[in-house]
């Protein structure tokens, strides 16, 4: 997927690596076999 392409409803999300709430790296694809995954992004001011 290039930078100017957008996901459409029903498209699979690209696998990304994020940090878990404990600070450990986690690939989102590791969670998908368990069902839908909700990713919440919080902004930290401080």
PDB file of N, CA and C in Angstrom:
ATOM      1  N   UNK A   1       0.854  -1.169   0.000  1.00  0.00           N
ATOM      2  CA  UNK A   1       0.000   0.000   0.000  1.00  0.00           C
ATOM      3  C   UNK A   1       0.899   1.231   0.000  1.00  0.00           C
ATOM      4  N   UNK A   2       0.620   2.158  -0.900  1.00  0.00           N
ATOM      5  CA  UNK A   2       1.412   3.378  -0.962  1.00  0.00           C
ATOM      6  C   UNK A   2       0.811   4.433  -0.043  1.00  0.00           C
ATOM      7  N   UNK A   3       1.557   5.499   0.167  1.00  0.00           N
ATOM      8  CA  UNK A   3       1.146   6.537   1.114  1.00  0.00           C
ATOM      9  C   UNK A   3      -0.161   7.218   0.712  1.00  0.00           C
ATOM     10  N   UNK A   4      -0.466   7.275  -0.587  1.00  0.00           N
ATOM     11  CA  UNK A   4      -1.675   7.982  -1.006  1.00  0.00           C
ATOM     12  C   UNK A   4      -2.874   7.055  -1.196  1.00  0.00           C
ATOM     13  N   UNK A   5      -2.746   5.777  -0.847  1.00  0.00           N
ATOM     14  CA  UNK A   5      -3.883   4.862  -0.897  1.00  0.00           C
ATOM     15  C   UNK A   5      -4.573   4.856   0.458  1.00  0.00           C
ATOM     16  N   UNK A   6      -5.878   4.710   0.450  1.00  0.00           N
ATOM     17  CA  UNK A   6      -6.640   4.675   1.685  1.00  0.00           C
ATOM     18  C   UNK A   6      -7.322   3.326   1.836  1.00  0.00           C
ATOM     19  N   UNK A   7      -7.487   2.918   3.069  1.00  0.00           N
ATOM     20  CA  UNK A   7      -8.243   1.699   3.338  1.00  0.00           C
ATOM     21  C   UNK A   7      -9.719   1.966   3.123  1.00  0.00           C
ATOM     22  N   UNK A   8     -10.396   0.983   2.618  1.00  0.00           N
ATOM     23  CA  UNK A   8     -11.836   1.054   2.435  1.00  0.00           C
ATOM     24  C   UNK A   8     -12.492   0.163   3.484  1.00  0.00           C
ATOM     25  N   UNK A   9     -13.754   0.421   3.816  1.00  0.00           N
ATOM     26  CA  UNK A   9     -14.436  -0.467   4.772  1.00  0.00           C
ATOM     27  C   UNK A   9     -14.339  -1.918   4.312  1.00  0.00           C
ATOM     28  N   UNK A  10     -13.947  -2.785   5.230  1.00  0.00           N
ATOM     29  CA  UNK A  10     -13.806  -4.195   4.923  1.00  0.00           C
ATOM     30  C   UNK A  10     -12.395  -4.607   4.544  1.00  0.00           C
ATOM     31  N   UNK A  11     -11.500  -3.621   4.253  1.00  0.00           N
ATOM     32  CA  UNK A  11     -10.104  -3.942   3.940  1.00  0.00           C
ATOM     33  C   UNK A  11      -9.392  -4.413   5.204  1.00  0.00           C
ATOM     34  N   UNK A  12      -8.445  -5.308   5.025  1.00  0.00           N
ATOM     35  CA  UNK A  12      -7.625  -5.734   6.155  1.00  0.00           C
ATOM     36  C   UNK A  12      -6.634  -4.620   6.485  1.00  0.00           C
ATOM     37  N   UNK A  13      -6.452  -4.364   7.758  1.00  0.00           N
ATOM     38  CA  UNK A  13      -5.499  -3.340   8.189  1.00  0.00           C
ATOM     39  C   UNK A  13      -4.084  -3.871   8.018  1.00  0.00           C
ATOM     40  N   UNK A  14      -3.148  -3.004   7.675  1.00  0.00           N
ATOM     41  CA  UNK A  14      -1.767  -3.459   7.569  1.00  0.00           C
ATOM     42  C   UNK A  14      -1.226  -3.820   8.955  1.00  0.00           C
ATOM     43  N   UNK A  15      -0.361  -4.820   9.006  1.00  0.00           N
ATOM     44  CA  UNK A  15       0.233  -5.203  10.274  1.00  0.00           C
ATOM     45  C   UNK A  15       1.196  -4.113  10.710  1.00  0.00           C
ATOM     46  N   UNK A  16       1.094  -3.711  11.939  1.00  0.00           N
ATOM     47  CA  UNK A  16       1.962  -2.686  12.499  1.00  0.00           C
ATOM     48  C   UNK A  16       2.485  -3.160  13.835  1.00  0.00           C
ATOM     49  N   UNK A  17       3.641  -2.654  14.209  1.00  0.00           N
ATOM     50  CA  UNK A  17       4.179  -2.967  15.525  1.00  0.00           C
ATOM     51  C   UNK A  17       3.951  -1.764  16.419  1.00  0.00           C
ATOM     52  N   UNK A  18       3.378  -2.001  17.586  1.00  0.00           N
ATOM     53  CA  UNK A  18       3.098  -0.962  18.571  1.00  0.00           C
ATOM     54  C   UNK A  18       3.641  -1.430  19.918  1.00  0.00           C
ATOM     55  N   UNK A  19       3.625  -0.550  20.889  1.00  0.00           N
ATOM     56  CA  UNK A  19       3.999  -0.923  22.242  1.00  0.00           C
ATOM     57  C   UNK A  19       2.751  -1.225  23.045  1.00  0.00           C
ATOM     58  N   UNK A  20       2.772  -2.313  23.797  1.00  0.00           N
ATOM     59  CA  UNK A  20       1.641  -2.671  24.652  1.00  0.00           C
ATOM     60  C   UNK A  20       1.605  -1.737  25.861  1.00  0.00           C
ATOM     61  N   UNK A  21       0.596  -1.888  26.684  1.00  0.00           N
ATOM     62  CA  UNK A  21       0.474  -1.062  27.886  1.00  0.00           C
ATOM     63  C   UNK A  21       1.619  -1.314  28.875  1.00  0.00           C
ATOM     64  N   UNK A  22       2.352  -2.421  28.691  1.00  0.00           N
ATOM     65  CA  UNK A  22       3.507  -2.713  29.545  1.00  0.00           C
ATOM     66  C   UNK A  22       4.820  -2.275  28.895  1.00  0.00           C
ATOM     67  N   UNK A  23       4.750  -1.711  27.676  1.00  0.00           N
ATOM     68  CA  UNK A  23       5.938  -1.244  26.985  1.00  0.00           C
ATOM     69  C   UNK A  23       6.604  -2.286  26.108  1.00  0.00           C
ATOM     70  N   UNK A  24       5.998  -3.465  25.974  1.00  0.00           N
ATOM     71  CA  UNK A  24       6.565  -4.537  25.151  1.00  0.00           C
ATOM     72  C   UNK A  24       6.093  -4.386  23.704  1.00  0.00           C
ATOM     73  N   UNK A  25       6.998  -4.623  22.720  1.00  0.00           N
ATOM     74  CA  UNK A  25       6.580  -4.562  21.320  1.00  0.00           C
ATOM     75  C   UNK A  25       5.538  -5.647  21.015  1.00  0.00           C
ATOM     76  N   UNK A  26       4.575  -5.299  20.188  1.00  0.00           N
ATOM     77  CA  UNK A  26       3.478  -6.205  19.861  1.00  0.00           C
ATOM     78  C   UNK A  26       3.067  -5.965  18.420  1.00  0.00           C
ATOM     79  N   UNK A  27       2.983  -7.036  17.631  1.00  0.00           N
ATOM     80  CA  UNK A  27       2.452  -6.936  16.267  1.00  0.00           C
ATOM     81  C   UNK A  27       0.939  -7.093  16.350  1.00  0.00           C
ATOM     82  N   UNK A  28       0.220  -6.195  15.701  1.00  0.00           N
ATOM     83  CA  UNK A  28      -1.238  -6.253  15.748  1.00  0.00           C
ATOM     84  C   UNK A  28      -1.769  -7.560  15.180  1.00  0.00           C
ATOM     85  N   UNK A  29      -1.076  -8.136  14.203  1.00  0.00           N
ATOM     86  CA  UNK A  29      -1.527  -9.388  13.598  1.00  0.00           C
ATOM     87  C   UNK A  29      -1.560 -10.527  14.617  1.00  0.00           C
ATOM     88  N   UNK A  30      -0.808 -10.413  15.707  1.00  0.00           N
ATOM     89  CA  UNK A  30      -0.845 -11.445  16.751  1.00  0.00           C
ATOM     90  C   UNK A  30      -2.202 -11.484  17.454  1.00  0.00           C
ATOM     91  N   UNK A  31      -2.921 -10.379  17.416  1.00  0.00           N
ATOM     92  CA  UNK A  31      -4.213 -10.295  18.100  1.00  0.00           C
ATOM     93  C   UNK A  31      -5.388 -10.681  17.212  1.00  0.00           C
ATOM     94  N   UNK A  32      -5.232 -10.581  15.884  1.00  0.00           N
ATOM     95  CA  UNK A  32      -6.343 -10.787  14.964  1.00  0.00           C
ATOM     96  C   UNK A  32      -6.949 -12.180  15.004  1.00  0.00           C
ATOM     97  N   UNK A  33      -6.186 -13.260  15.249  1.00  0.00           N
ATOM     98  CA  UNK A  33      -6.830 -14.577  15.292  1.00  0.00           C
ATOM     99  C   UNK A  33      -7.865 -14.694  16.417  1.00  0.00           C
ATOM    100  N   UNK A  34      -7.761 -13.842  17.426  1.00  0.00           N
ATOM    101  CA  UNK A  34      -8.708 -13.878  18.546  1.00  0.00           C
ATOM    102  C   UNK A  34      -9.994 -13.124  18.248  1.00  0.00           C
ATOM    103  N   UNK A  35     -10.056 -12.427  17.133  1.00  0.00           N
ATOM    104  CA  UNK A  35     -11.244 -11.670  16.768  1.00  0.00           C
ATOM    105  C   UNK A  35     -10.868 -10.235  16.448  1.00  0.00           C
ATOM    106  N   UNK A  36     -11.855  -9.349  16.309  1.00  0.00           N
ATOM    107  CA  UNK A  36     -11.576  -7.946  15.989  1.00  0.00           C
ATOM    108  C   UNK A  36     -10.680  -7.309  17.054  1.00  0.00           C
ATOM    109  N   UNK A  37      -9.845  -6.391  16.610  1.00  0.00           N
ATOM    110  CA  UNK A  37      -8.916  -5.704  17.507  1.00  0.00           C
ATOM    111  C   UNK A  37      -9.225  -4.222  17.492  1.00  0.00           C
ATOM    112  N   UNK A  38      -9.335  -3.631  18.662  1.00  0.00           N
ATOM    113  CA  UNK A  38      -9.577  -2.197  18.804  1.00  0.00           C
ATOM    114  C   UNK A  38      -8.282  -1.555  19.272  1.00  0.00           C
ATOM    115  N   UNK A  39      -7.797  -0.580  18.528  1.00  0.00           N
ATOM    116  CA  UNK A  39      -6.569   0.118  18.855  1.00  0.00           C
ATOM    117  C   UNK A  39      -6.943   1.522  19.316  1.00  0.00           C
ATOM    118  N   UNK A  40      -6.566   1.867  20.531  1.00  0.00           N
ATOM    119  CA  UNK A  40      -6.869   3.181  21.097  1.00  0.00           C
ATOM    120  C   UNK A  40      -5.557   3.943  21.248  1.00  0.00           C
ATOM    121  N   UNK A  41      -5.503   5.142  20.698  1.00  0.00           N
ATOM    122  CA  UNK A  41      -4.324   5.991  20.787  1.00  0.00           C
ATOM    123  C   UNK A  41      -4.626   7.128  21.755  1.00  0.00           C
ATOM    124  N   UNK A  42      -3.768   7.304  22.745  1.00  0.00           N
ATOM    125  CA  UNK A  42      -3.929   8.380  23.720  1.00  0.00           C
ATOM    126  C   UNK A  42      -2.789   9.370  23.564  1.00  0.00           C
ATOM    127  N   UNK A  43      -3.100  10.632  23.630  1.00  0.00           N
ATOM    128  CA  UNK A  43      -2.071  11.662  23.594  1.00  0.00           C
ATOM    129  C   UNK A  43      -1.643  11.961  25.003  1.00  0.00           C
ATOM    130  N   UNK A  44      -0.341  12.086  25.179  1.00  0.00           N
ATOM    131  CA  UNK A  44       0.181  12.403  26.497  1.00  0.00           C
ATOM    132  C   UNK A  44       0.705  13.834  26.479  1.00  0.00           C
ATOM    133  N   UNK A  45       0.192  14.640  27.352  1.00  0.00           N
ATOM    134  CA  UNK A  45       0.684  16.009  27.501  1.00  0.00           C
ATOM    135  C   UNK A  45       1.415  16.074  28.831  1.00  0.00           C
ATOM    136  N   UNK A  46       2.612  16.514  28.822  1.00  0.00           N
ATOM    137  CA  UNK A  46       3.273  16.605  30.110  1.00  0.00           C
ATOM    138  C   UNK A  46       4.708  16.717  29.973  1.00  0.00           C
TER     139      UNK A  46
END
